[in-house]
Protein backbone atom coordinates (compact mmCIF):
# COMPACT_ATOMS: atom_id res chain seq x y z
CA MET A 1 17.40 9.94 -2.08
CA THR A 2 17.13 6.43 -0.70
CA ALA A 3 14.21 4.01 -0.91
CA THR A 4 13.41 0.95 1.18
CA TYR A 5 10.93 -1.68 -0.08
CA HIS A 6 8.55 -3.51 2.27
CA ASP A 7 6.45 -6.60 1.52
CA HIS A 8 3.46 -6.35 3.85
CA GLY A 9 2.03 -9.71 2.82
CA THR A 10 -1.19 -10.95 1.35
CA VAL A 11 -4.85 -10.37 2.08
CA ASP A 12 -7.16 -13.39 1.92
CA VAL A 13 -9.92 -12.08 -0.32
CA GLU A 14 -11.45 -13.41 -3.58
CA GLU A 15 -8.57 -14.58 -5.84
CA GLY A 16 -6.08 -12.81 -3.61
CA ALA A 17 -4.47 -9.49 -2.91
CA THR A 18 -1.02 -8.29 -1.91
CA LEU A 19 0.15 -5.19 -0.08
CA GLN A 20 3.57 -3.64 -0.60
CA GLY A 21 5.20 -0.41 0.41
CA MET A 22 8.18 1.81 0.10
CA HIS A 23 9.74 4.44 2.34
CA THR A 24 11.78 7.13 0.66
CA HIS A 25 14.18 9.48 2.38
CA ASP A 26 15.42 12.71 0.83
CA SER A 27 18.04 14.40 2.99
CA THR A 28 17.87 17.54 0.82
CA ASN A 29 14.25 18.21 1.86
CA PRO A 30 14.36 19.39 5.50
CA GLU A 31 10.58 19.91 5.76
CA ARG A 32 9.56 16.44 4.54
CA PRO A 33 12.58 14.15 4.38
CA GLY A 34 10.61 10.90 4.73
CA PHE A 35 7.72 9.71 2.60
CA ASN A 36 5.67 6.50 2.87
CA HIS A 37 3.93 4.75 -0.02
CA LEU A 38 1.57 1.77 0.13
CA TRP A 39 0.04 -0.01 -2.82
CA GLY A 40 -2.28 -2.95 -2.86
CA VAL A 41 -3.32 -5.07 -5.82
CA GLY A 42 -6.24 -7.47 -5.70
CA ARG A 43 -8.24 -9.55 -8.13
CA ASP A 44 -11.74 -10.94 -8.48
CA GLY A 45 -12.09 -12.96 -11.68
CA ASP A 46 -10.75 -10.95 -14.60
CA THR A 47 -11.07 -7.64 -12.74
CA VAL A 48 -8.08 -6.16 -10.94
CA THR A 49 -7.98 -3.19 -8.57
CA LEU A 50 -5.10 -1.06 -7.37
CA VAL A 51 -5.34 1.03 -4.21
CA LEU A 52 -2.69 3.60 -3.33
CA TRP A 53 -1.78 5.56 -0.22
CA GLN A 54 1.07 7.95 0.44
CA SER A 55 1.98 10.30 3.23
CA TYR A 56 4.88 11.90 5.01
CA TRP A 57 3.22 11.44 8.43
CA GLY A 58 4.68 8.76 10.69
CA ASP A 59 4.44 5.04 10.04
CA PRO A 60 2.15 3.74 7.30
CA PRO A 61 -1.20 2.32 8.50
CA VAL A 62 -0.58 -1.23 7.24
CA THR A 63 -3.37 -2.96 9.19
CA GLU A 64 -5.96 -0.38 8.19
CA TRP A 65 -4.80 -0.41 4.59
CA LYS A 66 -5.16 -4.19 4.40
CA ARG A 67 -8.76 -3.71 5.56
CA THR A 68 -9.27 -1.07 2.85
CA LEU A 69 -7.79 -3.38 0.21
CA ARG A 70 -10.09 -6.22 1.32
CA THR A 71 -13.13 -3.92 1.07
CA ALA A 72 -12.11 -2.70 -2.41
CA VAL A 73 -11.63 -6.22 -3.77
CA ASN A 74 -14.91 -7.42 -2.23
CA LYS A 75 -16.77 -4.60 -4.02
CA LEU A 76 -15.48 -5.56 -7.48
CA TYR A 77 -18.53 -7.82 -8.05
């Protein structure tokens, strides 16, 4: 299995948020060889949230996931 890390940048919300991802490839799994993971971490004051997404369908929805992360952090307080 191989894994490739991706830094998808920051989201300007409250004290800040960051979005990262990883694509894994398993050549021994012919049905689902590729898998995408996205995780976002954001903070408002002392409260931190983590949002996760994973799928084996196509490219990860980075733009939409940044919007989701912004919404999650905005709802902390």
